[in-house]
Amino acid sequence: MVNTKVTLSGLMMDNPIIPASGTFGFGREFAEYYDINILGSICTKGTTESARFGNPTPRVAECTAGMINSVGLQNPGIDEVISFELPQLAKIYSKPVIANISGFSVEEFVTCCQKIDSAPNVGIIEVNISCPNVRHGGMAFGTSAESAAEVTKAVKAVTTKPIYMKLSPNVTSIKEIAAACESAGADGISLINTLLGMRIDIGRRKPIIANKMGGFSGKAIFPIALRMVYEAAQTVNIPVIGMGGIETAEDVIEMMMAGATAVQVGAANLVNPYACKNIIEDLPEVMERLKIKNINDIIGIVK
C-alpha cells in the first residue's frame, strides 16, 4: 500500500492532485462526471474585486500539444464568489479549497484577499500576480521582484490563511521572483502560469484570438514548467505547487521529483473532464512500479 498524502502549509491532502484555476470553474460542472471529493483540493476560478465579462471572442486557439486562451479573468466578482459560489461548492466538496485571487492594483489584491480570508472552506489563498499592473503601464506584477514582494507583503498583512504566490514564466529569472516572494512572507509558491503565445489565421491574415495574444498552456510547456519548478524549489524553503502541461501520473512524479509538493492540472481538464480522476487512479500503480512507498520521499529528490 502506497501513501499519496501530502501537506501544504498544514493543509492535509489525500493526494497531490489539484485542478488548476480557470480550468475547473467552481467545481459544480465536473461534479456531474465523478465524485470530486477524490481530489486533493480544488483551485477555484480567478476572482477579481468586480465582476468581469472577460475579453472579446474568439478567445481560444488550438495549438500543437496545447492551446492559447485570452479569457480575460471572466468571473462574478469577489462578493458573489463568497456569498454564492463557495457555499455552493461546499455542498458537494467537503475539503478545503485554494482560492485564486487576481487584481490590477495592490489595493484590489488587498481587498479581495482580506474578504476571501473569512470564507470557511478556503484553506489557502493563491495570489495570481501575472495580471497587468494598471498603474505602471500594464506590466505584470510578477515580472518584477519588487512588485511581487510588494503584493505579497500587502496581502500577508490582511490575511490569516497561507498565501501562495502564483508566478508568471514570462520573466528573466524565476529564482529572483520566487526569492522575493519568500522574503516578503509568502507561505508557498505556485508556478507556472501560462506562457505568452499567438496564432494567426493564414486565410484571414489576422490573429485567431481577438486580443491577438494569450496564455499558452498544455503538454508542450511541461519541460519549461519543470525547469522553473526545479529552479524555484532549489531557491526557496517554502512549498511549491507545480503546474504546466501535466497530463499523467508520470508527469506528477516528475514534477514532484523536481521539487513540487503538489501539482495543478490545467489544460488537460478542458480536453478530458476525467483527467484529474484518471491521474489519481493511476498514481498508486505508477508509484508501485517505481517502488515509491511514500510520495513525500520523492519531493525535490533531484538535486
C-alpha atoms as a PDB file:
ATOM      1  CA  MET A   1       0.000   0.000   0.000  1.00  0.00           C
ATOM      2  CA  VAL A   2       1.471   3.360  -1.014  1.00  0.00           C
ATOM      3  CA  ASN A   3       0.995   6.715   0.682  1.00  0.00           C
ATOM      4  CA  THR A   4      -0.206   9.548  -1.594  1.00  0.00           C
ATOM      5  CA  LYS A   5      -0.999  12.051   1.171  1.00  0.00           C
ATOM      6  CA  VAL A   6       0.813  15.396   1.154  1.00  0.00           C
ATOM      7  CA  THR A   7       0.623  18.526   3.300  1.00  0.00           C
ATOM      8  CA  LEU A   8       0.595  22.138   2.101  1.00  0.00           C
ATOM      9  CA  SER A   9       1.087  24.655   4.924  1.00  0.00           C
ATOM     10  CA  GLY A  10      -0.855  22.497   7.358  1.00  0.00           C
ATOM     11  CA  LEU A  11      -3.499  21.522   4.793  1.00  0.00           C
ATOM     12  CA  MET A  12      -3.538  17.707   4.651  1.00  0.00           C
ATOM     13  CA  MET A  13      -4.498  16.350   1.223  1.00  0.00           C
ATOM     14  CA  ASP A  14      -5.327  12.765   0.267  1.00  0.00           C
ATOM     15  CA  ASN A  15      -3.216  13.168  -2.872  1.00  0.00           C
ATOM     16  CA  PRO A  16      -1.266  15.975  -4.564  1.00  0.00           C
ATOM     17  CA  ILE A  17      -3.728  16.482  -7.452  1.00  0.00           C
ATOM     18  CA  ILE A  18      -5.444  19.876  -7.736  1.00  0.00           C
ATOM     19  CA  PRO A  19      -7.406  21.172 -10.754  1.00  0.00           C
ATOM     20  CA  ALA A  20      -5.833  24.491 -11.764  1.00  0.00           C
ATOM     21  CA  SER A  21      -7.616  27.811 -11.578  1.00  0.00           C
ATOM     22  CA  GLY A  22      -9.660  28.647 -14.658  1.00  0.00           C
ATOM     23  CA  THR A  23      -9.903  25.051 -15.846  1.00  0.00           C
ATOM     24  CA  PHE A  24     -12.402  23.664 -13.338  1.00  0.00           C
ATOM     25  CA  GLY A  25     -14.803  26.570 -12.761  1.00  0.00           C
ATOM     26  CA  PHE A  26     -16.113  26.325  -9.202  1.00  0.00           C
ATOM     27  CA  GLY A  27     -16.351  22.552  -9.378  1.00  0.00           C
ATOM     28  CA  ARG A  28     -20.059  22.098  -9.975  1.00  0.00           C
ATOM     29  CA  GLU A  29     -19.763  21.286 -13.683  1.00  0.00           C
ATOM     30  CA  PHE A  30     -17.253  18.496 -13.048  1.00  0.00           C
ATOM     31  CA  ALA A  31     -19.291  17.035 -10.182  1.00  0.00           C
ATOM     32  CA  GLU A  32     -21.683  15.787 -12.867  1.00  0.00           C
ATOM     33  CA  TYR A  33     -18.943  13.459 -14.154  1.00  0.00           C
ATOM     34  CA  TYR A  34     -17.451  11.985 -10.960  1.00  0.00           C
ATOM     35  CA  ASP A  35     -17.173  12.418  -7.198  1.00  0.00           C
ATOM     36  CA  ILE A  36     -14.862  15.411  -6.984  1.00  0.00           C
ATOM     37  CA  ASN A  37     -14.101  14.581  -3.336  1.00  0.00           C
ATOM     38  CA  ILE A  38     -11.340  12.311  -4.633  1.00  0.00           C
ATOM     39  CA  LEU A  39      -9.341  15.447  -5.492  1.00  0.00           C
ATOM     40  CA  GLY A  40      -6.589  16.627  -3.169  1.00  0.00           C
ATOM     41  CA  SER A  41      -8.055  20.120  -3.372  1.00  0.00           C
ATOM     42  CA  ILE A  42      -9.599  22.448  -5.950  1.00  0.00           C
ATOM     43  CA  CYS A  43      -8.167  25.776  -7.095  1.00  0.00           C
ATOM     44  CA  THR A  44     -11.159  27.955  -7.870  1.00  0.00           C
ATOM     45  CA  LYS A  45     -11.601  30.283 -10.825  1.00  0.00           C
ATOM     46  CA  GLY A  46      -9.582  33.502 -10.663  1.00  0.00           C
ATOM     47  CA  THR A  47     -11.571  36.172  -8.827  1.00  0.00           C
ATOM     48  CA  THR A  48     -11.319  39.960  -9.005  1.00  0.00           C
ATOM     49  CA  GLU A  49     -12.973  42.691  -6.942  1.00  0.00           C
ATOM     50  CA  SER A  50     -15.665  43.449  -9.532  1.00  0.00           C
ATOM     51  CA  ALA A  51     -17.430  41.101 -11.915  1.00  0.00           C
ATOM     52  CA  ARG A  52     -15.698  40.766 -15.282  1.00  0.00           C
ATOM     53  CA  PHE A  53     -17.208  39.678 -18.603  1.00  0.00           C
ATOM     54  CA  GLY A  54     -13.752  38.927 -19.965  1.00  0.00           C
ATOM     55  CA  ASN A  55     -12.112  39.606 -23.303  1.00  0.00           C
ATOM     56  CA  PRO A  56     -13.911  39.692 -26.673  1.00  0.00           C
ATOM     57  CA  THR A  57     -14.285  36.467 -28.643  1.00  0.00           C
ATOM     58  CA  PRO A  58     -12.720  34.472 -30.164  1.00  0.00           C
ATOM     59  CA  ARG A  59     -10.504  33.942 -27.164  1.00  0.00           C
ATOM     60  CA  VAL A  60      -9.305  30.349 -27.555  1.00  0.00           C
ATOM     61  CA  ALA A  61      -6.966  28.979 -30.242  1.00  0.00           C
ATOM     62  CA  GLU A  62      -5.787  25.394 -30.614  1.00  0.00           C
ATOM     63  CA  CYS A  63      -2.072  24.628 -30.940  1.00  0.00           C
ATOM     64  CA  THR A  64       0.057  21.542 -31.381  1.00  0.00           C
ATOM     65  CA  ALA A  65       0.154  19.911 -27.925  1.00  0.00           C
ATOM     66  CA  GLY A  66      -1.604  22.828 -26.292  1.00  0.00           C
ATOM     67  CA  MET A  67      -3.897  25.815 -26.539  1.00  0.00           C
ATOM     68  CA  ILE A  68      -3.901  29.603 -26.269  1.00  0.00           C
ATOM     69  CA  ASN A  69      -6.559  31.374 -24.253  1.00  0.00           C
ATOM     70  CA  SER A  70      -7.350  35.000 -23.614  1.00  0.00           C
ATOM     71  CA  VAL A  71     -10.475  34.617 -21.499  1.00  0.00           C
ATOM     72  CA  GLY A  72      -9.643  37.731 -19.527  1.00  0.00           C
ATOM     73  CA  LEU A  73     -10.472  36.633 -15.978  1.00  0.00           C
ATOM     74  CA  GLN A  74     -14.211  36.286 -16.554  1.00  0.00           C
ATOM     75  CA  ASN A  75     -15.729  35.908 -13.071  1.00  0.00           C
ATOM     76  CA  PRO A  76     -18.698  37.095 -10.973  1.00  0.00           C
ATOM     77  CA  GLY A  77     -16.631  39.217  -8.572  1.00  0.00           C
ATOM     78  CA  ILE A  78     -15.395  38.586  -5.032  1.00  0.00           C
ATOM     79  CA  ASP A  79     -18.672  39.226  -3.198  1.00  0.00           C
ATOM     80  CA  GLU A  80     -20.622  36.801  -5.396  1.00  0.00           C
ATOM     81  CA  VAL A  81     -17.907  34.177  -5.050  1.00  0.00           C
ATOM     82  CA  ILE A  82     -18.026  34.426  -1.244  1.00  0.00           C
ATOM     83  CA  SER A  83     -21.819  34.602  -0.924  1.00  0.00           C
ATOM     84  CA  PHE A  84     -22.771  32.044  -3.597  1.00  0.00           C
ATOM     85  CA  GLU A  85     -20.019  30.128  -5.396  1.00  0.00           C
ATOM     86  CA  LEU A  86     -18.036  28.944  -2.364  1.00  0.00           C
ATOM     87  CA  PRO A  87     -21.135  27.918  -0.322  1.00  0.00           C
ATOM     88  CA  GLN A  88     -22.452  26.011  -3.350  1.00  0.00           C
ATOM     89  CA  LEU A  89     -19.112  24.261  -3.735  1.00  0.00           C
ATOM     90  CA  ALA A  90     -19.118  23.346  -0.032  1.00  0.00           C
ATOM     91  CA  LYS A  91     -22.351  21.407  -0.581  1.00  0.00           C
ATOM     92  CA  ILE A  92     -20.629  18.979  -2.960  1.00  0.00           C
ATOM     93  CA  TYR A  93     -16.969  19.181  -1.930  1.00  0.00           C
ATOM     94  CA  SER A  94     -16.092  18.528   1.713  1.00  0.00           C
ATOM     95  CA  LYS A  95     -12.428  19.578   1.720  1.00  0.00           C
ATOM     96  CA  PRO A  96     -10.733  22.987   1.965  1.00  0.00           C
ATOM     97  CA  VAL A  97     -10.137  24.679  -1.379  1.00  0.00           C
ATOM     98  CA  ILE A  98      -7.499  27.005  -2.786  1.00  0.00           C
ATOM     99  CA  ALA A  99      -8.997  30.374  -3.724  1.00  0.00           C
ATOM    100  CA  ASN A 100      -7.298  32.086  -6.665  1.00  0.00           C
ATOM    101  CA  ILE A 101      -7.267  35.873  -6.413  1.00  0.00           C
ATOM    102  CA  SER A 102      -6.372  38.254  -9.233  1.00  0.00           C
ATOM    103  CA  GLY A 103      -6.108  42.023  -9.299  1.00  0.00           C
ATOM    104  CA  PHE A 104      -4.975  45.061 -11.251  1.00  0.00           C
ATOM    105  CA  SER A 105      -3.646  47.092  -8.318  1.00  0.00           C
ATOM    106  CA  VAL A 106      -2.164  46.350  -4.905  1.00  0.00           C
ATOM    107  CA  GLU A 107      -5.327  47.750  -3.344  1.00  0.00           C
ATOM    108  CA  GLU A 108      -7.504  45.292  -5.297  1.00  0.00           C
ATOM    109  CA  PHE A 109      -5.376  42.345  -4.197  1.00  0.00           C
ATOM    110  CA  VAL A 110      -5.646  43.506  -0.589  1.00  0.00           C
ATOM    111  CA  THR A 111      -9.418  43.952  -0.732  1.00  0.00           C
ATOM    112  CA  CYS A 112     -10.042  40.553  -2.322  1.00  0.00           C
ATOM    113  CA  CYS A 113      -7.634  38.642  -0.102  1.00  0.00           C
ATOM    114  CA  GLN A 114      -8.991  40.254   3.042  1.00  0.00           C
ATOM    115  CA  LYS A 115     -12.531  39.273   2.078  1.00  0.00           C
ATOM    116  CA  ILE A 116     -11.773  35.714   0.958  1.00  0.00           C
ATOM    117  CA  ASP A 117      -9.761  35.093   4.137  1.00  0.00           C
ATOM    118  CA  SER A 118     -13.026  34.745   6.082  1.00  0.00           C
ATOM    119  CA  ALA A 119     -14.532  32.102   3.765  1.00  0.00           C
ATOM    120  CA  PRO A 120     -14.785  28.917   5.875  1.00  0.00           C
ATOM    121  CA  ASN A 121     -13.978  26.431   3.103  1.00  0.00           C
ATOM    122  CA  VAL A 122     -10.893  28.278   1.848  1.00  0.00           C
ATOM    123  CA  GLY A 123      -7.696  26.671   3.134  1.00  0.00           C
ATOM    124  CA  ILE A 124      -5.121  28.509   1.015  1.00  0.00           C
ATOM    125  CA  ILE A 125      -5.210  31.763  -0.941  1.00  0.00           C
ATOM    126  CA  GLU A 126      -3.375  31.688  -4.271  1.00  0.00           C
ATOM    127  CA  VAL A 127      -2.489  35.172  -5.489  1.00  0.00           C
ATOM    128  CA  ASN A 128      -2.093  35.462  -9.254  1.00  0.00           C
ATOM    129  CA  ILE A 129       0.499  38.166  -9.901  1.00  0.00           C
ATOM    130  CA  SER A 130       0.512  37.623 -13.666  1.00  0.00           C
ATOM    131  CA  CYS A 131      -2.097  40.363 -14.087  1.00  0.00           C
ATOM    132  CA  PRO A 132      -1.093  43.675 -15.698  1.00  0.00           C
ATOM    133  CA  ASN A 133      -0.435  46.440 -13.173  1.00  0.00           C
ATOM    134  CA  VAL A 134      -2.688  49.205 -14.497  1.00  0.00           C
ATOM    135  CA  ARG A 135      -0.800  51.840 -12.525  1.00  0.00           C
ATOM    136  CA  HIS A 136       2.552  51.007 -14.054  1.00  0.00           C
ATOM    137  CA  GLY A 137       1.970  50.746 -17.772  1.00  0.00           C
ATOM    138  CA  GLY A 138       0.362  47.313 -17.806  1.00  0.00           C
ATOM    139  CA  MET A 139       3.460  45.324 -16.812  1.00  0.00           C
ATOM    140  CA  ALA A 140       2.525  42.238 -14.787  1.00  0.00           C
ATOM    141  CA  PHE A 141       3.241  42.389 -11.047  1.00  0.00           C
ATOM    142  CA  GLY A 142       5.025  39.053 -11.350  1.00  0.00           C
ATOM    143  CA  THR A 143       7.650  40.287 -13.810  1.00  0.00           C
ATOM    144  CA  SER A 144       9.312  42.474 -11.182  1.00  0.00           C
ATOM    145  CA  ALA A 145      10.794  41.169  -7.928  1.00  0.00           C
ATOM    146  CA  GLU A 146       9.986  44.475  -6.275  1.00  0.00           C
ATOM    147  CA  SER A 147       6.314  44.419  -7.366  1.00  0.00           C
ATOM    148  CA  ALA A 148       5.926  40.743  -6.466  1.00  0.00           C
ATOM    149  CA  ALA A 149       7.263  41.426  -2.986  1.00  0.00           C
ATOM    150  CA  GLU A 150       5.019  44.486  -2.612  1.00  0.00           C
ATOM    151  CA  VAL A 151       1.872  42.467  -3.334  1.00  0.00           C
ATOM    152  CA  THR A 152       3.000  39.598  -1.110  1.00  0.00           C
ATOM    153  CA  LYS A 153       3.690  41.848   1.860  1.00  0.00           C
ATOM    154  CA  ALA A 154       0.424  43.753   1.404  1.00  0.00           C
ATOM    155  CA  VAL A 155      -1.835  40.684   1.298  1.00  0.00           C
ATOM    156  CA  LYS A 156       0.001  38.953   4.156  1.00  0.00           C
ATOM    157  CA  ALA A 157      -0.776  41.986   6.339  1.00  0.00           C
ATOM    158  CA  VAL A 158      -4.545  41.455   6.000  1.00  0.00           C
ATOM    159  CA  THR A 159      -4.861  37.653   5.979  1.00  0.00           C
ATOM    160  CA  THR A 160      -4.585  34.768   8.416  1.00  0.00           C
ATOM    161  CA  LYS A 161      -4.536  31.904   5.902  1.00  0.00           C
ATOM    162  CA  PRO A 162      -1.494  30.677   3.945  1.00  0.00           C
ATOM    163  CA  ILE A 163      -0.639  32.804   0.915  1.00  0.00           C
ATOM    164  CA  TYR A 164       0.770  31.136  -2.225  1.00  0.00           C
ATOM    165  CA  MET A 165       2.037  33.474  -4.926  1.00  0.00           C
ATOM    166  CA  LYS A 166       1.335  32.284  -8.482  1.00  0.00           C
ATOM    167  CA  LEU A 167       4.260  33.247 -10.690  1.00  0.00           C
ATOM    168  CA  SER A 168       4.488  34.140 -14.362  1.00  0.00           C
ATOM    169  CA  PRO A 169       7.036  32.280 -16.525  1.00  0.00           C
ATOM    170  CA  ASN A 170       7.462  35.372 -18.700  1.00  0.00           C
ATOM    171  CA  VAL A 171      10.460  36.596 -16.701  1.00  0.00           C
ATOM    172  CA  THR A 172      14.246  36.592 -16.967  1.00  0.00           C
ATOM    173  CA  SER A 173      14.848  34.914 -13.582  1.00  0.00           C
ATOM    174  CA  ILE A 174      12.129  32.877 -11.865  1.00  0.00           C
ATOM    175  CA  LYS A 175      14.529  32.365  -8.949  1.00  0.00           C
ATOM    176  CA  GLU A 176      14.693  36.093  -8.244  1.00  0.00           C
ATOM    177  CA  ILE A 177      10.885  36.451  -8.215  1.00  0.00           C
ATOM    178  CA  ALA A 178      10.397  33.358  -6.027  1.00  0.00           C
ATOM    179  CA  ALA A 179      13.013  34.551  -3.546  1.00  0.00           C
ATOM    180  CA  ALA A 180      11.409  37.998  -3.379  1.00  0.00           C
ATOM    181  CA  CYS A 181       8.022  36.479  -2.554  1.00  0.00           C
ATOM    182  CA  GLU A 182       9.512  34.278   0.162  1.00  0.00           C
ATOM    183  CA  SER A 183      11.375  37.228   1.701  1.00  0.00           C
ATOM    184  CA  ALA A 184       8.129  39.226   1.767  1.00  0.00           C
ATOM    185  CA  GLY A 185       6.363  36.482   3.734  1.00  0.00           C
ATOM    186  CA  ALA A 186       4.786  34.115   1.173  1.00  0.00           C
ATOM    187  CA  ASP A 187       3.864  30.714   2.603  1.00  0.00           C
ATOM    188  CA  GLY A 188       4.280  28.986  -0.754  1.00  0.00           C
ATOM    189  CA  ILE A 189       4.802  29.417  -4.486  1.00  0.00           C
ATOM    190  CA  SER A 190       2.628  28.253  -7.413  1.00  0.00           C
ATOM    191  CA  LEU A 191       4.140  28.016 -10.888  1.00  0.00           C
ATOM    192  CA  ILE A 192       3.994  28.295 -13.761  1.00  0.00           C
ATOM    193  CA  ASN A 193       1.218  30.403 -15.153  1.00  0.00           C
ATOM    194  CA  THR A 194       0.802  30.392 -18.943  1.00  0.00           C
ATOM    195  CA  LEU A 195       3.428  31.486 -21.437  1.00  0.00           C
ATOM    196  CA  LEU A 196       2.564  34.280 -23.850  1.00  0.00           C
ATOM    197  CA  GLY A 197       1.632  32.915 -27.279  1.00  0.00           C
ATOM    198  CA  MET A 198      -0.059  33.770 -30.572  1.00  0.00           C
ATOM    199  CA  ARG A 199      -1.691  32.093 -33.596  1.00  0.00           C
ATOM    200  CA  ILE A 200      -2.550  33.599 -36.996  1.00  0.00           C
ATOM    201  CA  ASP A 201      -5.375  32.552 -39.316  1.00  0.00           C
ATOM    202  CA  ILE A 202      -3.411  32.487 -42.584  1.00  0.00           C
ATOM    203  CA  GLY A 203      -6.600  32.503 -44.653  1.00  0.00           C
ATOM    204  CA  ARG A 204      -7.980  35.635 -42.988  1.00  0.00           C
ATOM    205  CA  ARG A 205      -4.482  37.058 -42.439  1.00  0.00           C
ATOM    206  CA  LYS A 206      -5.439  38.025 -38.906  1.00  0.00           C
ATOM    207  CA  PRO A 207      -4.715  36.760 -35.391  1.00  0.00           C
ATOM    208  CA  ILE A 208      -7.097  33.976 -34.359  1.00  0.00           C
ATOM    209  CA  ILE A 209      -7.549  35.489 -30.907  1.00  0.00           C
ATOM    210  CA  ALA A 210      -9.411  38.806 -30.805  1.00  0.00           C
ATOM    211  CA  ASN A 211      -6.915  40.033 -28.219  1.00  0.00           C
ATOM    212  CA  LYS A 212      -4.094  38.938 -30.623  1.00  0.00           C
ATOM    213  CA  MET A 213      -2.093  37.151 -27.920  1.00  0.00           C
ATOM    214  CA  GLY A 214      -2.972  34.920 -24.996  1.00  0.00           C
ATOM    215  CA  GLY A 215      -1.732  32.379 -22.500  1.00  0.00           C
ATOM    216  CA  PHE A 216      -0.163  29.246 -23.996  1.00  0.00           C
ATOM    217  CA  SER A 217      -0.728  26.079 -21.954  1.00  0.00           C
ATOM    218  CA  GLY A 218      -0.819  22.329 -22.451  1.00  0.00           C
ATOM    219  CA  LYS A 219       1.607  19.443 -22.843  1.00  0.00           C
ATOM    220  CA  ALA A 220       4.105  21.473 -24.891  1.00  0.00           C
ATOM    221  CA  ILE A 221       5.048  23.677 -21.926  1.00  0.00           C
ATOM    222  CA  PHE A 222       5.792  20.825 -19.482  1.00  0.00           C
ATOM    223  CA  PRO A 223       9.616  20.891 -19.868  1.00  0.00           C
ATOM    224  CA  ILE A 224       9.658  24.653 -19.278  1.00  0.00           C
ATOM    225  CA  ALA A 225       7.394  24.345 -16.249  1.00  0.00           C
ATOM    226  CA  LEU A 226       9.520  21.510 -14.859  1.00  0.00           C
ATOM    227  CA  ARG A 227      12.697  23.577 -15.204  1.00  0.00           C
ATOM    228  CA  MET A 228      11.143  26.568 -13.462  1.00  0.00           C
ATOM    229  CA  VAL A 229       9.685  24.464 -10.644  1.00  0.00           C
ATOM    230  CA  TYR A 230      13.137  22.934 -10.144  1.00  0.00           C
ATOM    231  CA  GLU A 231      14.796  26.375 -10.069  1.00  0.00           C
ATOM    232  CA  ALA A 232      12.224  27.784  -7.645  1.00  0.00           C
ATOM    233  CA  ALA A 233      12.365  24.756  -5.344  1.00  0.00           C
ATOM    234  CA  GLN A 234      16.181  24.986  -5.264  1.00  0.00           C
ATOM    235  CA  THR A 235      15.902  28.656  -4.283  1.00  0.00           C
ATOM    236  CA  VAL A 236      13.160  28.837  -1.621  1.00  0.00           C
ATOM    237  CA  ASN A 237      12.415  26.952   1.590  1.00  0.00           C
ATOM    238  CA  ILE A 238       8.635  27.129   1.262  1.00  0.00           C
ATOM    239  CA  PRO A 239       6.355  24.630  -0.533  1.00  0.00           C
ATOM    240  CA  VAL A 240       6.000  24.764  -4.302  1.00  0.00           C
ATOM    241  CA  ILE A 241       2.890  23.800  -6.266  1.00  0.00           C
ATOM    242  CA  GLY A 242       3.953  22.803  -9.769  1.00  0.00           C
ATOM    243  CA  MET A 243       1.831  23.131 -12.892  1.00  0.00           C
ATOM    244  CA  GLY A 244       2.156  23.381 -16.641  1.00  0.00           C
ATOM    245  CA  GLY A 245       1.376  20.585 -19.086  1.00  0.00           C
ATOM    246  CA  ILE A 246       0.661  17.845 -16.543  1.00  0.00           C
ATOM    247  CA  GLU A 247      -1.452  15.072 -18.082  1.00  0.00           C
ATOM    248  CA  THR A 248      -0.363  11.780 -16.486  1.00  0.00           C
ATOM    249  CA  ALA A 249       0.633  10.249 -13.164  1.00  0.00           C
ATOM    250  CA  GLU A 250       4.184  10.008 -14.520  1.00  0.00           C
ATOM    251  CA  ASP A 251       4.136  13.780 -15.074  1.00  0.00           C
ATOM    252  CA  VAL A 252       3.107  14.230 -11.436  1.00  0.00           C
ATOM    253  CA  ILE A 253       6.016  12.102 -10.234  1.00  0.00           C
ATOM    254  CA  GLU A 254       8.452  14.009 -12.440  1.00  0.00           C
ATOM    255  CA  MET A 255       7.173  17.377 -11.226  1.00  0.00           C
ATOM    256  CA  MET A 256       7.445  16.300  -7.590  1.00  0.00           C
ATOM    257  CA  MET A 257      10.963  14.978  -8.107  1.00  0.00           C
ATOM    258  CA  ALA A 258      11.810  18.472  -9.372  1.00  0.00           C
ATOM    259  CA  GLY A 259      10.610  19.918  -6.065  1.00  0.00           C
ATOM    260  CA  ALA A 260       6.827  20.303  -6.127  1.00  0.00           C
ATOM    261  CA  THR A 261       4.884  19.261  -3.021  1.00  0.00           C
ATOM    262  CA  ALA A 262       1.620  19.214  -5.008  1.00  0.00           C
ATOM    263  CA  VAL A 263       0.598  19.796  -8.600  1.00  0.00           C
ATOM    264  CA  GLN A 264      -2.174  21.510 -10.507  1.00  0.00           C
ATOM    265  CA  VAL A 265      -3.693  20.055 -13.654  1.00  0.00           C
ATOM    266  CA  GLY A 266      -4.925  22.699 -16.087  1.00  0.00           C
ATOM    267  CA  ALA A 267      -5.454  22.402 -19.835  1.00  0.00           C
ATOM    268  CA  ALA A 268      -5.939  18.626 -19.613  1.00  0.00           C
ATOM    269  CA  ASN A 269      -9.285  19.226 -17.861  1.00  0.00           C
ATOM    270  CA  LEU A 270     -10.549  21.142 -20.888  1.00  0.00           C
ATOM    271  CA  VAL A 271      -9.740  18.226 -23.198  1.00  0.00           C
ATOM    272  CA  ASN A 272     -10.831  15.415 -20.895  1.00  0.00           C
ATOM    273  CA  PRO A 273     -13.126  16.136 -17.919  1.00  0.00           C
ATOM    274  CA  TYR A 274     -11.861  12.916 -16.304  1.00  0.00           C
ATOM    275  CA  ALA A 275      -8.189  13.984 -16.476  1.00  0.00           C
ATOM    276  CA  CYS A 276      -7.715  14.503 -12.723  1.00  0.00           C
ATOM    277  CA  LYS A 277      -9.702  11.375 -11.873  1.00  0.00           C
ATOM    278  CA  ASN A 278      -7.561   9.282 -14.208  1.00  0.00           C
ATOM    279  CA  ILE A 279      -4.335  10.651 -12.746  1.00  0.00           C
ATOM    280  CA  ILE A 280      -5.474   9.992  -9.171  1.00  0.00           C
ATOM    281  CA  GLU A 281      -6.457   6.420 -10.040  1.00  0.00           C
ATOM    282  CA  ASP A 282      -3.194   5.767 -11.901  1.00  0.00           C
ATOM    283  CA  LEU A 283      -0.879   7.322  -9.304  1.00  0.00           C
ATOM    284  CA  PRO A 284      -0.691   4.384  -6.820  1.00  0.00           C
ATOM    285  CA  GLU A 285       0.059   1.931  -9.640  1.00  0.00           C
ATOM    286  CA  VAL A 286       2.831   4.140 -11.019  1.00  0.00           C
ATOM    287  CA  MET A 287       4.282   4.555  -7.521  1.00  0.00           C
ATOM    288  CA  GLU A 288       4.265   0.774  -7.043  1.00  0.00           C
ATOM    289  CA  ARG A 289       6.034   0.295 -10.365  1.00  0.00           C
ATOM    290  CA  LEU A 290       8.699   2.841  -9.419  1.00  0.00           C
ATOM    291  CA  LYS A 291       8.998   1.374  -5.896  1.00  0.00           C
ATOM    292  CA  ILE A 292       7.845   4.608  -4.239  1.00  0.00           C
ATOM    293  CA  LYS A 293       6.130   3.786  -0.922  1.00  0.00           C
ATOM    294  CA  ASN A 294       5.611   7.342   0.276  1.00  0.00           C
ATOM    295  CA  ILE A 295       5.175  10.130  -2.266  1.00  0.00           C
ATOM    296  CA  ASN A 296       6.742  12.631   0.119  1.00  0.00           C
ATOM    297  CA  ASP A 297      10.054  10.798  -0.200  1.00  0.00           C
ATOM    298  CA  ILE A 298      10.485  11.967  -3.796  1.00  0.00           C
ATOM    299  CA  ILE A 299       9.764  15.669  -3.290  1.00  0.00           C
ATOM    300  CA  GLY A 300      12.846  17.526  -4.534  1.00  0.00           C
ATOM    301  CA  ILE A 301      14.859  14.309  -4.787  1.00  0.00           C
ATOM    302  CA  VAL A 302      16.610  15.570  -7.922  1.00  0.00           C
ATOM    303  CA  LYS A 303      19.412  17.934  -6.937  1.00  0.00           C
END
